[in-house]
């Protein structure tokens, strides 16, 4: 069996009054944080608490079969309804019957790769190196698993905040170009002031 240890504690954004300069910026989605772990024997999905949730998100686990093993992704599970993110749908879908999960499929927005099938554990690499590996890994994977948007341009991040609030994006996460952090290593701006 492949060995991989979940980050403890997981990196979690903290609020800030404004976006810091000199970072990488990503939209903050309103969904469930989740690890996708592609192993030789299948796919496991783990919640932020480390709980196994594969059965609740079978459709995403099936999409994860297209990833090469071993791969571990960090990201957000979201449900789109009527052109916007619907956190209530994510919550109800996680607690609903398998039939409801099929009729209202979710998407996974990956914002980091932690384990790479060729390079192994890449958490010690800087953000830009992990980001390049993530983009390459996901380039031929179907639409259910996608890499998040990212930019090192603070003006682009501000425009995203203004434009994407209408579709349910909660804010902007700012990440320095360094190793995958433990605990509160990221900064999030939900006020854009």
N, C-alpha and C. Protein backbone atom coordinates (compact mmCIF):
# COMPACT_ATOMS: atom_id res chain seq x y z
N UNK A 1 0.84 -1.19 0.00
CA UNK A 1 0.00 0.00 0.00
C UNK A 1 0.89 1.25 0.00
N UNK A 2 0.48 2.24 -0.77
CA UNK A 2 1.24 3.49 -0.84
C UNK A 2 1.10 4.27 0.45
N UNK A 3 2.19 4.86 0.86
CA UNK A 3 2.17 5.65 2.08
C UNK A 3 2.15 7.12 1.73
N UNK A 4 1.30 7.83 2.40
CA UNK A 4 1.23 9.27 2.26
C UNK A 4 0.59 9.78 3.53
N UNK A 5 1.12 10.86 4.08
CA UNK A 5 0.53 11.40 5.30
C UNK A 5 -0.14 12.72 5.00
N UNK A 6 -1.34 12.87 5.48
CA UNK A 6 -2.10 14.10 5.29
C UNK A 6 -1.43 15.23 6.06
N UNK A 7 -1.48 16.46 5.52
CA UNK A 7 -0.90 17.59 6.25
C UNK A 7 -1.58 17.76 7.60
N UNK A 8 -0.81 18.07 8.59
CA UNK A 8 -1.39 18.26 9.92
C UNK A 8 -0.69 19.41 10.61
N UNK A 9 -1.35 20.50 10.89
CA UNK A 9 -2.70 20.80 10.42
C UNK A 9 -2.68 21.25 8.96
N UNK A 10 -3.85 21.16 8.31
CA UNK A 10 -3.96 21.61 6.93
C UNK A 10 -3.75 23.11 6.87
N UNK A 11 -3.19 23.60 5.77
CA UNK A 11 -3.11 25.05 5.61
C UNK A 11 -4.51 25.63 5.52
N UNK A 12 -4.71 26.70 6.17
CA UNK A 12 -6.03 27.32 6.20
C UNK A 12 -5.87 28.82 6.08
N UNK A 13 -6.66 29.45 5.22
CA UNK A 13 -6.52 30.90 5.06
C UNK A 13 -6.97 31.67 6.30
N UNK A 14 -6.35 32.80 6.53
CA UNK A 14 -6.78 33.69 7.60
C UNK A 14 -7.22 35.00 6.95
N UNK A 15 -8.09 35.70 7.61
CA UNK A 15 -8.59 36.96 7.06
C UNK A 15 -7.54 38.04 7.12
N UNK A 16 -7.63 38.97 6.20
CA UNK A 16 -6.74 40.13 6.15
C UNK A 16 -7.55 41.31 5.63
N UNK A 17 -7.21 42.51 6.04
CA UNK A 17 -7.98 43.68 5.59
C UNK A 17 -7.76 44.01 4.12
N UNK A 18 -6.63 43.57 3.54
CA UNK A 18 -6.36 43.85 2.12
C UNK A 18 -5.43 42.77 1.58
N UNK A 19 -5.40 42.67 0.28
CA UNK A 19 -4.50 41.71 -0.35
C UNK A 19 -3.05 42.15 -0.20
N UNK A 20 -2.16 41.26 0.22
CA UNK A 20 -0.75 41.62 0.28
C UNK A 20 -0.14 41.59 -1.12
N UNK A 21 0.80 42.45 -1.38
CA UNK A 21 1.49 42.49 -2.67
C UNK A 21 2.53 41.37 -2.74
N UNK A 22 2.94 41.04 -3.96
CA UNK A 22 4.03 40.10 -4.15
C UNK A 22 3.68 38.65 -3.87
N UNK A 23 2.43 38.26 -4.06
CA UNK A 23 1.97 36.91 -3.80
C UNK A 23 1.41 36.31 -5.09
N UNK A 24 0.98 35.08 -4.99
CA UNK A 24 0.17 34.45 -6.02
C UNK A 24 -1.26 34.46 -5.50
N UNK A 25 -2.22 34.68 -6.39
CA UNK A 25 -3.62 34.87 -5.98
C UNK A 25 -4.51 33.84 -6.67
N UNK A 26 -5.45 33.34 -5.88
CA UNK A 26 -6.43 32.36 -6.39
C UNK A 26 -7.80 32.73 -5.83
N UNK A 27 -8.88 32.45 -6.58
CA UNK A 27 -10.22 32.64 -6.01
C UNK A 27 -10.44 31.68 -4.85
N UNK A 28 -11.20 32.12 -3.85
CA UNK A 28 -11.60 31.24 -2.74
C UNK A 28 -13.02 30.78 -2.99
N UNK A 29 -13.17 29.49 -3.25
CA UNK A 29 -14.46 28.91 -3.62
C UNK A 29 -15.25 28.50 -2.40
N UNK A 30 -16.56 28.52 -2.53
CA UNK A 30 -17.46 28.15 -1.45
C UNK A 30 -17.89 26.70 -1.64
N UNK A 31 -17.14 25.79 -1.04
CA UNK A 31 -17.41 24.37 -1.17
C UNK A 31 -16.83 23.60 0.00
N UNK A 32 -16.53 22.33 -0.21
CA UNK A 32 -15.91 21.49 0.81
C UNK A 32 -14.45 21.24 0.44
N UNK A 33 -13.56 21.51 1.37
CA UNK A 33 -12.14 21.22 1.18
C UNK A 33 -11.96 19.71 1.14
N UNK A 34 -11.14 19.24 0.19
CA UNK A 34 -11.00 17.79 0.03
C UNK A 34 -9.65 17.44 -0.58
N UNK A 35 -9.12 16.30 -0.15
CA UNK A 35 -7.94 15.69 -0.75
C UNK A 35 -8.42 14.61 -1.72
N UNK A 36 -7.85 14.62 -2.93
CA UNK A 36 -8.06 13.52 -3.88
C UNK A 36 -6.75 12.74 -3.90
N UNK A 37 -6.83 11.48 -3.52
CA UNK A 37 -5.66 10.62 -3.43
C UNK A 37 -5.80 9.48 -4.42
N UNK A 38 -5.10 9.58 -5.56
CA UNK A 38 -5.12 8.54 -6.58
C UNK A 38 -4.05 7.53 -6.25
N UNK A 39 -4.48 6.31 -5.95
CA UNK A 39 -3.57 5.23 -5.59
C UNK A 39 -3.59 4.18 -6.69
N UNK A 40 -2.71 3.21 -6.61
CA UNK A 40 -2.70 2.12 -7.59
C UNK A 40 -4.02 1.36 -7.59
N UNK A 41 -4.64 1.23 -6.42
CA UNK A 41 -5.86 0.44 -6.29
C UNK A 41 -7.14 1.27 -6.36
N UNK A 42 -7.06 2.52 -6.77
CA UNK A 42 -8.27 3.34 -6.88
C UNK A 42 -8.05 4.75 -6.37
N UNK A 43 -9.15 5.40 -6.01
CA UNK A 43 -9.12 6.79 -5.55
C UNK A 43 -9.78 6.87 -4.18
N UNK A 44 -9.14 7.60 -3.29
CA UNK A 44 -9.73 7.91 -1.98
C UNK A 44 -9.94 9.41 -1.92
N UNK A 45 -11.06 9.82 -1.35
CA UNK A 45 -11.35 11.22 -1.11
C UNK A 45 -11.41 11.43 0.40
N UNK A 46 -10.69 12.43 0.89
CA UNK A 46 -10.60 12.69 2.32
C UNK A 46 -11.04 14.11 2.61
N UNK A 47 -11.86 14.26 3.65
CA UNK A 47 -12.29 15.60 4.08
C UNK A 47 -11.15 16.28 4.83
N UNK A 48 -11.35 17.55 5.13
CA UNK A 48 -10.33 18.32 5.86
C UNK A 48 -10.02 17.69 7.22
N UNK A 49 -11.01 17.03 7.80
CA UNK A 49 -10.79 16.38 9.09
C UNK A 49 -10.07 15.04 8.95
N UNK A 50 -9.84 14.60 7.70
CA UNK A 50 -9.19 13.31 7.47
C UNK A 50 -10.18 12.17 7.29
N UNK A 51 -11.47 12.48 7.37
CA UNK A 51 -12.50 11.45 7.25
C UNK A 51 -12.62 10.99 5.80
N UNK A 52 -12.81 9.70 5.61
CA UNK A 52 -13.02 9.11 4.29
C UNK A 52 -14.42 9.51 3.79
N UNK A 53 -14.45 10.17 2.61
CA UNK A 53 -15.74 10.63 2.06
C UNK A 53 -15.94 10.15 0.62
N UNK A 54 -15.18 9.15 0.21
CA UNK A 54 -15.26 8.65 -1.16
C UNK A 54 -16.68 8.24 -1.52
N UNK A 55 -17.37 7.56 -0.64
CA UNK A 55 -18.74 7.11 -0.92
C UNK A 55 -19.71 8.24 -1.16
N UNK A 56 -19.47 9.38 -0.55
CA UNK A 56 -20.35 10.54 -0.72
C UNK A 56 -20.11 11.26 -2.04
N UNK A 57 -18.94 11.07 -2.62
CA UNK A 57 -18.56 11.81 -3.84
C UNK A 57 -18.05 10.84 -4.90
N UNK A 58 -18.76 9.73 -5.10
CA UNK A 58 -18.35 8.67 -6.01
C UNK A 58 -18.04 9.22 -7.42
N UNK A 59 -18.83 10.15 -7.89
CA UNK A 59 -18.64 10.72 -9.23
C UNK A 59 -17.26 11.37 -9.36
N UNK A 60 -16.82 12.06 -8.32
CA UNK A 60 -15.49 12.66 -8.34
C UNK A 60 -14.39 11.60 -8.24
N UNK A 61 -14.65 10.57 -7.45
CA UNK A 61 -13.68 9.48 -7.35
C UNK A 61 -13.50 8.82 -8.71
N UNK A 62 -14.59 8.63 -9.44
CA UNK A 62 -14.49 8.04 -10.78
C UNK A 62 -13.70 8.96 -11.71
N UNK A 63 -13.91 10.26 -11.62
CA UNK A 63 -13.14 11.21 -12.43
C UNK A 63 -11.66 11.15 -12.07
N UNK A 64 -11.36 10.92 -10.79
CA UNK A 64 -9.99 10.84 -10.32
C UNK A 64 -9.23 9.64 -10.85
N UNK A 65 -9.96 8.64 -11.35
CA UNK A 65 -9.30 7.46 -11.93
C UNK A 65 -8.42 7.84 -13.13
N UNK A 66 -8.70 8.98 -13.76
CA UNK A 66 -7.90 9.42 -14.91
C UNK A 66 -6.53 9.96 -14.50
N UNK A 67 -6.34 10.24 -13.21
CA UNK A 67 -5.04 10.72 -12.72
C UNK A 67 -4.04 9.57 -12.66
N UNK A 68 -2.76 9.83 -12.91
CA UNK A 68 -1.76 8.79 -12.73
C UNK A 68 -1.50 8.56 -11.23
N UNK A 69 -1.20 7.32 -10.89
CA UNK A 69 -0.92 6.99 -9.49
C UNK A 69 0.59 6.98 -9.26
N UNK A 70 1.03 7.39 -8.09
CA UNK A 70 0.27 8.02 -7.01
C UNK A 70 0.23 9.55 -7.17
N UNK A 71 -0.93 10.11 -6.98
CA UNK A 71 -1.13 11.55 -7.02
C UNK A 71 -1.98 11.95 -5.83
N UNK A 72 -1.64 13.06 -5.19
CA UNK A 72 -2.47 13.63 -4.13
C UNK A 72 -2.69 15.11 -4.46
N UNK A 73 -3.97 15.49 -4.54
CA UNK A 73 -4.35 16.87 -4.82
C UNK A 73 -5.06 17.48 -3.62
N UNK A 74 -4.90 18.77 -3.43
CA UNK A 74 -5.63 19.53 -2.43
C UNK A 74 -6.53 20.49 -3.20
N UNK A 75 -7.80 20.56 -2.79
CA UNK A 75 -8.71 21.44 -3.51
C UNK A 75 -10.07 21.56 -2.85
N UNK A 76 -11.03 21.98 -3.62
CA UNK A 76 -12.37 22.29 -3.13
C UNK A 76 -13.40 21.60 -4.02
N UNK A 77 -14.34 20.91 -3.39
CA UNK A 77 -15.46 20.32 -4.10
C UNK A 77 -16.58 21.34 -4.13
N UNK A 78 -17.09 21.61 -5.32
CA UNK A 78 -18.14 22.61 -5.49
C UNK A 78 -19.28 22.04 -6.33
N UNK A 79 -20.44 22.66 -6.18
CA UNK A 79 -21.59 22.36 -7.04
C UNK A 79 -22.02 23.68 -7.67
N UNK A 80 -22.17 23.66 -8.99
CA UNK A 80 -22.65 24.82 -9.72
C UNK A 80 -24.14 24.64 -9.99
N UNK A 81 -24.92 25.66 -9.68
CA UNK A 81 -26.36 25.66 -10.01
C UNK A 81 -26.71 27.03 -10.56
N UNK A 82 -27.34 27.01 -11.70
CA UNK A 82 -27.81 28.25 -12.32
C UNK A 82 -26.68 29.27 -12.47
N UNK A 83 -25.48 28.79 -12.84
CA UNK A 83 -24.37 29.67 -13.13
C UNK A 83 -23.62 30.22 -11.93
N UNK A 84 -23.88 29.68 -10.73
CA UNK A 84 -23.14 30.15 -9.56
C UNK A 84 -22.89 28.99 -8.60
N UNK A 85 -21.91 29.19 -7.72
CA UNK A 85 -21.60 28.18 -6.71
C UNK A 85 -22.75 28.10 -5.72
N UNK A 86 -23.07 26.89 -5.30
CA UNK A 86 -24.17 26.68 -4.36
C UNK A 86 -23.68 25.83 -3.19
N UNK A 87 -23.26 26.51 -2.11
CA UNK A 87 -22.74 25.79 -0.95
C UNK A 87 -23.83 24.92 -0.31
N UNK A 88 -25.05 25.39 -0.30
CA UNK A 88 -26.16 24.59 0.23
C UNK A 88 -26.30 23.28 -0.52
N UNK A 89 -26.10 23.31 -1.83
CA UNK A 89 -26.16 22.08 -2.62
C UNK A 89 -25.01 21.14 -2.27
N UNK A 90 -23.84 21.70 -1.98
CA UNK A 90 -22.70 20.87 -1.56
C UNK A 90 -23.05 20.19 -0.23
N UNK A 91 -23.58 20.97 0.70
CA UNK A 91 -23.94 20.42 2.02
C UNK A 91 -25.00 19.33 1.89
N UNK A 92 -26.06 19.62 1.15
CA UNK A 92 -27.14 18.64 1.06
C UNK A 92 -26.71 17.42 0.25
N UNK A 93 -25.89 17.65 -0.76
CA UNK A 93 -25.42 16.51 -1.55
C UNK A 93 -24.54 15.58 -0.73
N UNK A 94 -23.72 16.14 0.15
CA UNK A 94 -22.85 15.32 0.99
C UNK A 94 -23.66 14.43 1.93
N UNK A 95 -24.87 14.87 2.27
CA UNK A 95 -25.71 14.11 3.20
C UNK A 95 -26.85 13.38 2.50
N UNK A 96 -26.89 13.41 1.17
CA UNK A 96 -28.05 12.86 0.45
C UNK A 96 -27.80 11.44 -0.03
N UNK A 97 -28.78 10.92 -0.72
CA UNK A 97 -28.71 9.57 -1.25
C UNK A 97 -27.77 9.52 -2.46
N UNK A 98 -27.24 8.34 -2.78
CA UNK A 98 -26.37 8.22 -3.95
C UNK A 98 -27.06 8.67 -5.24
N UNK A 99 -28.35 8.46 -5.37
CA UNK A 99 -29.06 8.87 -6.59
C UNK A 99 -29.00 10.39 -6.77
N UNK A 100 -29.19 11.14 -5.70
CA UNK A 100 -29.12 12.60 -5.78
C UNK A 100 -27.71 13.04 -6.17
N UNK A 101 -26.71 12.34 -5.71
CA UNK A 101 -25.34 12.71 -6.04
C UNK A 101 -25.06 12.56 -7.54
N UNK A 102 -25.71 11.61 -8.17
CA UNK A 102 -25.50 11.40 -9.60
C UNK A 102 -26.23 12.46 -10.42
N UNK A 103 -27.43 12.84 -9.99
CA UNK A 103 -28.20 13.81 -10.77
C UNK A 103 -27.71 15.24 -10.57
N UNK A 104 -26.93 15.50 -9.56
CA UNK A 104 -26.41 16.83 -9.30
C UNK A 104 -24.89 16.73 -9.11
N UNK A 105 -24.14 16.46 -10.19
CA UNK A 105 -22.72 16.19 -10.04
C UNK A 105 -21.92 17.40 -9.56
N UNK A 106 -20.87 17.09 -8.85
CA UNK A 106 -19.98 18.12 -8.32
C UNK A 106 -18.74 18.24 -9.20
N UNK A 107 -18.00 19.30 -8.98
CA UNK A 107 -16.71 19.51 -9.63
C UNK A 107 -15.65 19.64 -8.54
N UNK A 108 -14.43 19.35 -8.90
CA UNK A 108 -13.31 19.49 -7.97
C UNK A 108 -12.36 20.53 -8.55
N UNK A 109 -12.11 21.57 -7.79
CA UNK A 109 -11.19 22.62 -8.20
C UNK A 109 -9.90 22.44 -7.41
N UNK A 110 -8.89 21.94 -8.08
CA UNK A 110 -7.60 21.65 -7.43
C UNK A 110 -6.77 22.92 -7.35
N UNK A 111 -6.23 23.19 -6.15
CA UNK A 111 -5.34 24.33 -6.03
C UNK A 111 -3.92 23.94 -5.64
N UNK A 112 -3.66 22.66 -5.47
CA UNK A 112 -2.29 22.25 -5.19
C UNK A 112 -2.11 20.77 -5.45
N UNK A 113 -0.88 20.38 -5.76
CA UNK A 113 -0.49 18.98 -5.84
C UNK A 113 0.49 18.75 -4.69
N UNK A 114 0.23 17.69 -3.92
CA UNK A 114 1.07 17.38 -2.76
C UNK A 114 1.98 16.18 -3.02
N UNK A 115 1.45 15.24 -3.78
CA UNK A 115 2.20 14.03 -4.16
C UNK A 115 2.10 13.92 -5.67
N UNK A 116 3.26 13.80 -6.32
CA UNK A 116 3.32 13.73 -7.77
C UNK A 116 3.75 12.31 -8.18
N UNK A 117 3.19 11.75 -9.25
CA UNK A 117 3.52 10.37 -9.62
C UNK A 117 4.98 10.15 -10.02
N UNK A 118 5.68 11.19 -10.43
CA UNK A 118 7.09 11.06 -10.81
C UNK A 118 8.01 11.63 -9.73
N UNK A 119 7.64 12.77 -9.16
CA UNK A 119 8.52 13.50 -8.25
C UNK A 119 8.26 13.21 -6.77
N UNK A 120 7.27 12.40 -6.45
CA UNK A 120 6.98 12.06 -5.06
C UNK A 120 6.34 13.21 -4.30
N UNK A 121 6.65 13.29 -3.00
CA UNK A 121 6.10 14.33 -2.13
C UNK A 121 6.73 15.66 -2.53
N UNK A 122 5.89 16.59 -3.01
CA UNK A 122 6.41 17.87 -3.52
C UNK A 122 6.04 19.04 -2.61
N UNK A 123 5.58 18.75 -1.40
CA UNK A 123 5.16 19.84 -0.50
C UNK A 123 6.29 20.79 -0.13
N UNK A 124 7.52 20.36 -0.19
CA UNK A 124 8.64 21.24 0.17
C UNK A 124 9.04 22.17 -0.98
N UNK A 125 8.50 21.96 -2.15
CA UNK A 125 8.82 22.81 -3.30
C UNK A 125 8.04 24.12 -3.23
N UNK A 126 8.54 25.16 -3.87
CA UNK A 126 7.81 26.43 -3.87
C UNK A 126 6.49 26.32 -4.64
N UNK A 127 5.60 27.24 -4.33
CA UNK A 127 4.27 27.26 -4.95
C UNK A 127 4.35 27.19 -6.47
N UNK A 128 5.21 27.99 -7.10
CA UNK A 128 5.25 28.03 -8.57
C UNK A 128 5.68 26.69 -9.16
N UNK A 129 6.55 25.96 -8.49
CA UNK A 129 6.96 24.64 -8.97
C UNK A 129 5.80 23.65 -8.85
N UNK A 130 5.10 23.69 -7.71
CA UNK A 130 3.94 22.80 -7.53
C UNK A 130 2.84 23.16 -8.52
N UNK A 131 2.64 24.44 -8.75
CA UNK A 131 1.61 24.90 -9.68
C UNK A 131 1.89 24.38 -11.09
N UNK A 132 3.15 24.45 -11.54
CA UNK A 132 3.51 23.94 -12.87
C UNK A 132 3.23 22.43 -12.96
N UNK A 133 3.55 21.69 -11.91
CA UNK A 133 3.27 20.25 -11.89
C UNK A 133 1.76 19.99 -11.94
N UNK A 134 0.99 20.79 -11.20
CA UNK A 134 -0.47 20.64 -11.18
C UNK A 134 -1.07 20.86 -12.56
N UNK A 135 -0.66 21.92 -13.23
CA UNK A 135 -1.18 22.24 -14.56
C UNK A 135 -0.88 21.11 -15.53
N UNK A 136 0.34 20.59 -15.48
CA UNK A 136 0.72 19.48 -16.37
C UNK A 136 -0.09 18.23 -16.05
N UNK A 137 -0.27 17.92 -14.78
CA UNK A 137 -1.04 16.74 -14.39
C UNK A 137 -2.49 16.80 -14.88
N UNK A 138 -3.09 17.97 -14.82
CA UNK A 138 -4.52 18.09 -15.10
C UNK A 138 -4.85 18.48 -16.53
N UNK A 139 -3.86 18.68 -17.39
CA UNK A 139 -4.14 19.20 -18.73
C UNK A 139 -5.04 18.29 -19.55
N UNK A 140 -4.99 16.99 -19.37
CA UNK A 140 -5.82 16.08 -20.16
C UNK A 140 -6.90 15.39 -19.34
N UNK A 141 -7.12 15.86 -18.13
CA UNK A 141 -8.15 15.29 -17.27
C UNK A 141 -9.47 16.00 -17.62
N UNK A 142 -10.57 15.30 -17.50
CA UNK A 142 -11.86 15.86 -17.89
C UNK A 142 -12.30 17.04 -17.06
N UNK A 143 -13.46 17.60 -17.37
CA UNK A 143 -13.92 18.84 -16.74
C UNK A 143 -14.30 18.72 -15.27
N UNK A 144 -14.47 17.53 -14.75
CA UNK A 144 -14.86 17.39 -13.34
C UNK A 144 -13.72 17.71 -12.38
N UNK A 145 -12.47 17.64 -12.84
CA UNK A 145 -11.31 17.99 -12.02
C UNK A 145 -10.51 19.02 -12.80
N UNK A 146 -10.42 20.23 -12.25
CA UNK A 146 -9.73 21.32 -12.93
C UNK A 146 -8.82 22.05 -11.95
N UNK A 147 -7.79 22.66 -12.50
CA UNK A 147 -6.92 23.52 -11.68
C UNK A 147 -7.59 24.88 -11.52
N UNK A 148 -7.44 25.46 -10.34
CA UNK A 148 -7.98 26.79 -10.11
C UNK A 148 -7.22 27.82 -10.94
N UNK A 149 -7.85 28.96 -11.15
CA UNK A 149 -7.15 30.08 -11.77
C UNK A 149 -6.12 30.60 -10.77
N UNK A 150 -5.02 31.13 -11.28
CA UNK A 150 -3.99 31.73 -10.42
C UNK A 150 -3.29 32.82 -11.20
N UNK A 151 -2.87 33.85 -10.47
CA UNK A 151 -2.14 34.96 -11.09
C UNK A 151 -1.22 35.59 -10.04
N UNK A 152 -0.10 36.12 -10.51
CA UNK A 152 0.77 36.88 -9.61
C UNK A 152 0.54 38.38 -9.77
N UNK A 153 -0.51 38.75 -10.47
CA UNK A 153 -0.86 40.15 -10.70
C UNK A 153 -1.98 40.57 -9.74
N UNK A 154 -1.68 41.43 -8.80
CA UNK A 154 -2.66 41.84 -7.79
C UNK A 154 -3.88 42.53 -8.42
N UNK A 155 -3.69 43.22 -9.53
CA UNK A 155 -4.82 43.88 -10.19
C UNK A 155 -5.77 42.85 -10.80
N UNK A 156 -5.23 41.78 -11.33
CA UNK A 156 -6.06 40.68 -11.83
C UNK A 156 -6.86 40.09 -10.68
N UNK A 157 -6.21 39.88 -9.54
CA UNK A 157 -6.90 39.33 -8.36
C UNK A 157 -8.03 40.24 -7.92
N UNK A 158 -7.80 41.53 -7.93
CA UNK A 158 -8.87 42.47 -7.54
C UNK A 158 -10.04 42.41 -8.52
N UNK A 159 -9.73 42.30 -9.82
CA UNK A 159 -10.82 42.17 -10.80
C UNK A 159 -11.58 40.86 -10.59
N UNK A 160 -10.86 39.79 -10.30
CA UNK A 160 -11.54 38.53 -10.02
C UNK A 160 -12.51 38.70 -8.87
N UNK A 161 -12.04 39.34 -7.82
CA UNK A 161 -12.90 39.53 -6.66
C UNK A 161 -14.17 40.27 -7.06
N UNK A 162 -14.02 41.34 -7.78
CA UNK A 162 -15.18 42.13 -8.20
C UNK A 162 -16.10 41.34 -9.12
N UNK A 163 -15.54 40.62 -10.08
CA UNK A 163 -16.32 39.91 -11.09
C UNK A 163 -16.88 38.58 -10.61
N UNK A 164 -16.14 37.88 -9.76
CA UNK A 164 -16.53 36.52 -9.40
C UNK A 164 -17.42 36.43 -8.17
N UNK A 165 -17.57 37.51 -7.42
CA UNK A 165 -18.49 37.50 -6.28
C UNK A 165 -19.90 37.13 -6.75
N UNK A 166 -20.27 37.57 -7.93
CA UNK A 166 -21.60 37.30 -8.48
C UNK A 166 -21.85 35.81 -8.72
N UNK A 167 -20.78 35.02 -8.87
CA UNK A 167 -20.96 33.59 -9.08
C UNK A 167 -20.67 32.78 -7.81
N UNK A 168 -20.49 33.46 -6.68
CA UNK A 168 -20.35 32.76 -5.41
C UNK A 168 -18.94 32.60 -4.89
N UNK A 169 -17.96 33.22 -5.52
CA UNK A 169 -16.60 33.17 -4.98
C UNK A 169 -16.56 34.02 -3.72
N UNK A 170 -15.95 33.49 -2.65
CA UNK A 170 -15.96 34.14 -1.34
C UNK A 170 -14.91 35.22 -1.16
N UNK A 171 -13.83 35.13 -1.90
CA UNK A 171 -12.73 36.06 -1.72
C UNK A 171 -11.55 35.63 -2.55
N UNK A 172 -10.40 36.14 -2.19
CA UNK A 172 -9.16 35.82 -2.88
C UNK A 172 -8.16 35.29 -1.86
N UNK A 173 -7.51 34.18 -2.20
CA UNK A 173 -6.46 33.62 -1.35
C UNK A 173 -5.12 34.09 -1.91
N UNK A 174 -4.27 34.61 -1.04
CA UNK A 174 -2.92 35.04 -1.42
C UNK A 174 -1.92 34.02 -0.89
N UNK A 175 -1.06 33.54 -1.76
CA UNK A 175 -0.09 32.52 -1.38
C UNK A 175 1.32 32.97 -1.76
N UNK A 176 2.25 32.90 -0.83
CA UNK A 176 3.65 33.21 -1.16
C UNK A 176 4.26 32.06 -1.96
N UNK A 177 5.30 32.34 -2.69
CA UNK A 177 5.98 31.32 -3.49
C UNK A 177 6.96 30.55 -2.61
N UNK A 178 6.39 29.70 -1.75
CA UNK A 178 7.21 28.88 -0.87
C UNK A 178 6.54 27.53 -0.65
N UNK A 179 7.13 26.72 0.22
CA UNK A 179 6.63 25.37 0.47
C UNK A 179 5.19 25.39 0.95
N UNK A 180 4.51 24.25 0.76
CA UNK A 180 3.14 24.06 1.23
C UNK A 180 3.13 24.23 2.74
N UNK A 181 2.35 25.16 3.26
CA UNK A 181 2.43 25.48 4.69
C UNK A 181 1.56 24.57 5.55
N UNK A 182 1.89 24.52 6.82
CA UNK A 182 1.03 23.87 7.82
C UNK A 182 0.34 24.98 8.60
N UNK A 183 -0.91 24.76 8.94
CA UNK A 183 -1.65 25.75 9.72
C UNK A 183 -2.08 26.95 8.90
N UNK A 184 -2.05 28.12 9.51
CA UNK A 184 -2.53 29.34 8.85
C UNK A 184 -1.40 29.97 8.04
N UNK A 185 -1.12 29.40 6.89
CA UNK A 185 -0.02 29.88 6.07
C UNK A 185 -0.44 30.73 4.90
N UNK A 186 -1.74 30.88 4.68
CA UNK A 186 -2.22 31.66 3.56
C UNK A 186 -3.02 32.83 4.08
N UNK A 187 -3.17 33.82 3.26
CA UNK A 187 -3.92 35.02 3.62
C UNK A 187 -5.12 35.11 2.68
N UNK A 188 -6.28 35.41 3.19
CA UNK A 188 -7.46 35.55 2.34
C UNK A 188 -8.07 36.93 2.56
N UNK A 189 -8.51 37.52 1.49
CA UNK A 189 -9.15 38.83 1.57
C UNK A 189 -10.61 38.68 1.14
N UNK A 190 -11.51 38.85 2.07
CA UNK A 190 -12.93 38.78 1.73
C UNK A 190 -13.56 40.15 1.65
N UNK A 191 -12.80 41.20 1.92
CA UNK A 191 -13.37 42.54 1.92
C UNK A 191 -12.88 43.38 0.75
N UNK A 192 -11.71 43.03 0.20
CA UNK A 192 -11.12 43.73 -0.95
C UNK A 192 -10.96 45.22 -0.70
N UNK A 193 -10.56 45.60 0.49
CA UNK A 193 -10.35 47.02 0.81
C UNK A 193 -8.88 47.34 0.87
